[in-house]
Amino acid sequence: MTYQQLSLKPRIWQKNKRRAPAFGGGPHRKGVIYKIAIMSPRKPNSAKRTFAKVRLNFNGKRLFAKIPGIGEHYLQSHSVVFVRGHGPKDSPGINYHLVRGCYDFLKQEAFGRKNRRSKFGAKRPKLTEIQLKEKELKEQRKKDKKERKLLKLKALALKKEALKKEVVNE
């Protein structure tokens, strides 16, 4: 565009679209479940996806939110939940996720999740006796390795001093 055209009609910048429009600019919101349902995902996937119909306390909007994780969740109507943005890609119309470990959604998964624990509200697993012993052995090996390095450095320093003395004596 020429300067003349720009002076008559300036450029209008597009605003960034919010990822979670129902939250009014916030990252997550508190809501109340009014129904729990099951749907099947789009092709090529096949499964049963559980989702909840949630009414937000903040503005009264109603939305669909995926119930994450595997197994029982013990959610029902009137359960208070914490909702975040970004739903599953293979489920049309579901644009939000529930957050495990908040409000009434405290049930942890039965199988003991080790990866991506924060998304599913899983606590850090407690170490068994064998794992504790292995950890202690690792720490001991690290200490031994550091001590060996120090001994090597001291030996090198002594060799340098001995070479200096030989050079001075000659």
Protein backbone atom coordinates (compact mmCIF):
# COMPACT_ATOMS: atom_id res chain seq x y z
CA MET A 1 0.00 0.00 0.00
CA THR A 2 1.13 3.55 -0.67
CA TYR A 3 1.45 6.23 2.00
CA GLN A 4 -1.58 8.00 0.50
CA GLN A 5 -3.71 4.85 0.87
CA LEU A 6 -2.44 4.28 4.43
CA SER A 7 -3.21 7.88 5.41
CA LEU A 8 -6.80 7.47 4.21
CA LYS A 9 -7.36 4.03 5.68
CA PRO A 10 -4.75 2.84 8.25
CA ARG A 11 -4.02 -0.80 8.87
CA ILE A 12 -6.13 -2.51 11.53
CA TRP A 13 -4.21 -5.03 13.60
CA GLN A 14 -5.93 -8.28 14.47
CA LYS A 15 -6.26 -8.98 18.16
CA ASN A 16 -4.88 -12.26 19.49
CA LYS A 17 -7.68 -14.74 20.06
CA ARG A 18 -7.99 -16.08 23.57
CA ARG A 19 -7.53 -19.81 23.85
CA ALA A 20 -10.20 -20.20 26.52
CA PRO A 21 -12.87 -17.65 25.62
CA ALA A 22 -15.36 -18.82 28.27
CA PHE A 23 -12.94 -17.90 31.08
CA GLY A 24 -12.97 -14.17 30.34
CA GLY A 25 -9.20 -13.94 29.96
CA GLY A 26 -8.29 -16.19 32.90
CA PRO A 27 -6.29 -19.42 32.65
CA HIS A 28 -8.81 -21.58 34.52
CA ARG A 29 -12.10 -21.34 36.37
CA LYS A 30 -14.21 -23.08 38.99
CA GLY A 31 -17.43 -24.73 37.86
CA VAL A 32 -20.23 -27.10 38.85
CA ILE A 33 -21.04 -30.27 36.92
CA TYR A 34 -24.65 -30.62 35.83
CA LYS A 35 -24.33 -33.80 33.74
CA ILE A 36 -21.78 -36.53 32.94
CA ALA A 37 -21.87 -38.25 29.56
CA ILE A 38 -19.87 -40.53 27.25
CA MET A 39 -19.08 -40.02 23.57
CA SER A 40 -17.01 -41.74 20.91
CA PRO A 41 -14.16 -39.82 19.25
CA ARG A 42 -13.74 -38.91 15.59
CA LYS A 43 -12.37 -41.36 13.04
CA PRO A 44 -9.71 -43.06 13.08
CA ASN A 45 -9.79 -43.30 16.89
CA SER A 46 -12.21 -45.49 18.78
CA ALA A 47 -12.89 -45.42 22.50
CA LYS A 48 -15.35 -44.12 25.03
CA ARG A 49 -14.51 -40.57 26.13
CA THR A 50 -16.10 -39.41 29.38
CA PHE A 51 -16.92 -35.73 29.56
CA ALA A 52 -18.81 -33.44 31.89
CA LYS A 53 -21.21 -30.63 31.16
CA VAL A 54 -20.05 -27.83 33.44
CA ARG A 55 -21.59 -24.49 34.43
CA LEU A 56 -18.96 -21.90 35.36
CA ASN A 57 -19.51 -20.05 38.65
CA PHE A 58 -17.78 -16.95 37.33
CA ASN A 59 -20.17 -16.10 34.48
CA GLY A 60 -22.76 -18.90 34.32
CA LYS A 61 -21.58 -20.14 30.90
CA ARG A 62 -22.08 -23.81 30.13
CA LEU A 63 -19.37 -25.87 28.46
CA PHE A 64 -18.16 -29.41 27.82
CA ALA A 65 -15.01 -30.57 29.63
CA LYS A 66 -13.08 -33.85 29.26
CA ILE A 67 -12.59 -35.96 32.38
CA PRO A 68 -8.90 -36.92 32.21
CA GLY A 69 -7.28 -40.17 33.26
CA ILE A 70 -8.14 -43.84 33.33
CA GLY A 71 -10.73 -45.55 35.51
CA GLU A 72 -13.16 -44.31 38.15
CA HIS A 73 -13.52 -40.64 38.92
CA TYR A 74 -16.49 -40.50 41.38
CA LEU A 75 -17.82 -37.28 39.81
CA GLN A 76 -21.56 -36.66 39.67
CA SER A 77 -24.01 -33.79 39.29
CA HIS A 78 -23.32 -30.85 41.60
CA SER A 79 -19.63 -31.78 41.99
CA VAL A 80 -17.42 -28.69 42.14
CA VAL A 81 -14.50 -28.91 39.70
CA PHE A 82 -11.60 -26.83 38.36
CA VAL A 83 -11.60 -26.33 34.57
CA ARG A 84 -8.65 -25.49 32.29
CA GLY A 85 -8.54 -24.84 28.56
CA HIS A 86 -7.54 -27.16 25.69
CA GLY A 87 -9.71 -30.20 25.14
CA PRO A 88 -8.91 -33.41 23.26
CA LYS A 89 -8.44 -33.07 19.50
CA ASP A 90 -10.47 -36.12 18.56
CA SER A 91 -13.64 -35.11 20.42
CA PRO A 92 -15.63 -32.37 18.64
CA GLY A 93 -17.25 -29.77 20.86
CA ILE A 94 -15.12 -30.56 23.91
CA ASN A 95 -12.78 -27.60 24.32
CA TYR A 96 -11.86 -27.82 27.99
CA HIS A 97 -10.32 -30.23 30.53
CA LEU A 98 -11.04 -30.85 34.21
CA VAL A 99 -8.07 -30.70 36.59
CA ARG A 100 -7.56 -33.67 38.91
CA GLY A 101 -6.67 -33.03 42.54
CA CYS A 102 -8.84 -29.89 42.96
CA TYR A 103 -12.16 -29.46 44.79
CA ASP A 104 -14.37 -32.59 44.44
CA PHE A 105 -12.15 -34.25 41.80
CA LEU A 106 -9.66 -35.76 44.26
CA LYS A 107 -9.78 -39.44 43.23
CA GLN A 108 -6.39 -40.60 41.99
CA GLU A 109 -5.96 -43.21 39.31
CA ALA A 110 -5.64 -46.77 40.56
CA PHE A 111 -2.57 -47.78 38.56
CA GLY A 112 -0.12 -45.26 40.14
CA ARG A 113 0.88 -42.76 37.46
CA LYS A 114 4.60 -41.91 37.28
CA ASN A 115 4.76 -39.54 34.27
CA ARG A 116 2.82 -36.29 33.66
CA ARG A 117 1.63 -36.40 37.27
CA SER A 118 0.75 -32.72 37.55
CA LYS A 119 -1.89 -32.96 34.81
CA PHE A 120 -3.63 -35.81 36.63
CA GLY A 121 -3.19 -34.67 40.25
CA ALA A 122 -1.03 -37.68 41.17
CA LYS A 123 1.24 -37.45 44.19
CA ARG A 124 4.89 -38.44 44.02
CA PRO A 125 5.17 -42.18 44.71
CA LYS A 126 6.87 -43.18 47.96
CA LEU A 127 10.15 -45.06 47.65
CA THR A 128 10.38 -48.71 48.71
CA GLU A 129 13.25 -50.03 50.85
CA ILE A 130 15.07 -51.38 47.79
CA GLN A 131 14.77 -48.04 45.99
CA LEU A 132 16.06 -46.23 49.10
CA LYS A 133 19.11 -48.53 49.25
CA GLU A 134 19.77 -48.00 45.53
CA LYS A 135 19.59 -44.23 46.05
CA GLU A 136 22.07 -44.43 48.95
CA LEU A 137 24.45 -46.51 46.81
CA LYS A 138 24.29 -43.95 44.01
CA GLU A 139 25.09 -41.14 46.44
CA GLN A 140 27.99 -43.17 47.86
CA ARG A 141 29.36 -43.77 44.34
CA LYS A 142 29.16 -40.04 43.60
CA LYS A 143 31.12 -39.28 46.79
CA ASP A 144 33.74 -41.92 45.92
CA LYS A 145 34.07 -40.48 42.41
CA LYS A 146 34.65 -36.98 43.79
CA GLU A 147 37.24 -38.28 46.25
CA ARG A 148 39.09 -40.10 43.44
CA LYS A 149 39.14 -36.89 41.39
CA LEU A 150 40.58 -34.95 44.32
CA LEU A 151 43.28 -37.60 44.83
CA LYS A 152 44.23 -37.42 41.13
CA LEU A 153 44.47 -33.63 41.29
CA LYS A 154 46.69 -33.83 44.40
CA ALA A 155 48.93 -36.39 42.68
CA LEU A 156 49.27 -34.13 39.64
CA ALA A 157 50.13 -31.17 41.85
CA LEU A 158 52.85 -33.24 43.61
CA LYS A 159 54.31 -34.31 40.25
CA LYS A 160 54.45 -30.68 39.09
CA GLU A 161 56.26 -29.67 42.29
CA ALA A 162 58.73 -32.53 41.85
CA LEU A 163 59.43 -31.48 38.24
CA LYS A 164 59.99 -27.86 39.35
CA LYS A 165 62.50 -29.03 41.98
CA GLU A 166 64.37 -31.10 39.37
CA VAL A 167 64.54 -28.11 37.00
CA VAL A 168 65.84 -25.86 39.80
CA ASN A 169 68.46 -28.46 40.86
CA GLU A 170 69.82 -28.75 37.33
